[in-house]
Amino acid sequence: MDSKKPRRRRSFTDEFKAGAVALVLKEGRSVAGVAKDLDLTTSALERWVKQARVDVGEGPPGALTTTEKEELVRLRREVRKLEMERDILKKAAAFFAKGHT
């Protein structure tokens, strides 16, 4: 029985990703070939290439660039924080409106 162990999740620098994507987009190498040479999963490299194309305006309509995704994450985090602050203030206002001191 030839069972493979699941691959441990690794992280890569932006420079490494950019280099791998450049091998595919600028040098015309295949995703599978580059992935094999760099010991990457094909699906990870495909995602990086797809995102790189979106970032330069070659993606499908409505696709978010990396910068837009980062801004969306930041804005969602800010909304959660503001909602928590609002809820705290609502509770405090209700508490003091009842005449508690």
Protein backbone atom coordinates (compact mmCIF):
# COMPACT_ATOMS: atom_id res chain seq x y z
CA MET A 1 0.00 0.00 0.00
CA ASP A 2 1.53 3.32 -1.10
CA SER A 3 -0.11 5.94 1.09
CA LYS A 4 1.33 9.43 1.11
CA LYS A 5 1.62 11.45 4.26
CA PRO A 6 -0.17 14.78 4.10
CA ARG A 7 2.22 17.59 3.30
CA ARG A 8 3.00 19.94 6.16
CA ARG A 9 1.69 23.44 5.47
CA ARG A 10 4.52 25.71 4.46
CA SER A 11 4.71 29.44 4.00
CA PHE A 12 6.58 31.27 1.29
CA THR A 13 7.87 34.80 0.99
CA ASP A 14 6.33 37.19 -1.51
CA GLU A 15 9.65 37.22 -3.37
CA PHE A 16 9.64 33.44 -3.73
CA LYS A 17 6.06 33.48 -5.02
CA ALA A 18 6.88 36.27 -7.48
CA GLY A 19 9.87 34.30 -8.75
CA ALA A 20 7.82 31.15 -9.25
CA VAL A 21 5.09 33.11 -11.04
CA ALA A 22 7.69 34.80 -13.26
CA LEU A 23 8.96 31.39 -14.37
CA VAL A 24 5.47 30.61 -15.61
CA LEU A 25 4.39 33.97 -17.03
CA LYS A 26 7.64 35.46 -18.30
CA GLU A 27 9.61 32.38 -19.25
CA GLY A 28 6.65 30.41 -20.53
CA ARG A 29 7.30 27.32 -18.46
CA SER A 30 4.43 25.06 -17.46
CA VAL A 31 2.84 25.33 -14.05
CA ALA A 32 3.35 21.62 -13.46
CA GLY A 33 7.04 21.78 -14.41
CA VAL A 34 7.79 24.78 -12.21
CA ALA A 35 5.81 23.28 -9.33
CA LYS A 36 7.79 20.05 -9.58
CA ASP A 37 11.15 21.86 -9.81
CA LEU A 38 10.37 24.03 -6.77
CA ASP A 39 8.67 21.24 -4.77
CA LEU A 40 5.32 23.04 -4.74
CA THR A 41 1.81 21.76 -5.16
CA THR A 42 0.44 22.52 -8.60
CA SER A 43 -2.71 24.01 -7.10
CA ALA A 44 -0.76 26.51 -4.99
CA LEU A 45 1.26 27.72 -7.97
CA GLU A 46 -1.90 27.92 -10.09
CA ARG A 47 -3.48 30.18 -7.44
CA TRP A 48 -0.40 32.42 -7.38
CA VAL A 49 -0.38 32.70 -11.17
CA LYS A 50 -4.11 33.43 -11.31
CA GLN A 51 -3.76 36.15 -8.65
CA ALA A 52 -0.76 37.66 -10.46
CA ARG A 53 -2.84 37.92 -13.63
CA VAL A 54 -5.66 39.62 -11.71
CA ASP A 55 -3.16 42.05 -10.16
CA VAL A 56 -2.03 43.22 -13.61
CA GLY A 57 -5.59 43.56 -14.90
CA GLU A 58 -5.82 40.32 -16.86
CA GLY A 59 -8.24 38.53 -14.57
CA PRO A 60 -11.97 37.96 -14.89
CA PRO A 61 -14.28 40.94 -14.39
CA GLY A 62 -14.90 41.66 -10.73
CA ALA A 63 -11.86 39.75 -9.46
CA LEU A 64 -10.14 41.50 -6.56
CA THR A 65 -6.49 42.44 -6.73
CA THR A 66 -4.21 41.60 -3.83
CA THR A 67 -4.35 45.22 -2.65
CA GLU A 68 -8.14 45.20 -2.77
CA LYS A 69 -8.28 41.94 -0.81
CA GLU A 70 -5.99 43.36 1.86
CA GLU A 71 -8.15 46.49 2.10
CA LEU A 72 -11.31 44.38 2.37
CA VAL A 73 -9.81 42.39 5.26
CA ARG A 74 -8.77 45.62 7.00
CA LEU A 75 -12.21 47.20 6.52
CA ARG A 76 -14.04 44.11 7.78
CA ARG A 77 -11.82 44.07 10.88
CA GLU A 78 -12.59 47.77 11.46
CA VAL A 79 -16.35 47.17 11.05
CA ARG A 80 -16.23 44.37 13.67
CA LYS A 81 -14.40 46.67 16.08
CA LEU A 82 -16.85 49.54 15.53
CA GLU A 83 -19.84 47.21 15.97
CA MET A 84 -18.43 45.99 19.29
CA GLU A 85 -17.88 49.57 20.45
CA ARG A 86 -21.43 50.51 19.39
CA ASP A 87 -22.89 47.54 21.29
CA ILE A 88 -20.97 48.49 24.42
CA LEU A 89 -22.21 52.06 24.20
CA LYS A 90 -25.81 50.89 23.69
CA LYS A 91 -25.59 48.76 26.83
CA ALA A 92 -24.05 51.59 28.80
CA ALA A 93 -26.74 54.03 27.64
CA ALA A 94 -29.48 51.57 28.60
CA PHE A 95 -27.85 51.02 31.99
CA PHE A 96 -27.68 54.72 32.79
CA ALA A 97 -31.17 55.40 31.36
CA LYS A 98 -32.60 53.07 34.00
CA GLY A 99 -31.22 55.36 36.66
CA HIS A 100 -28.43 53.14 37.91
CA THR A 101 -25.44 55.01 39.20
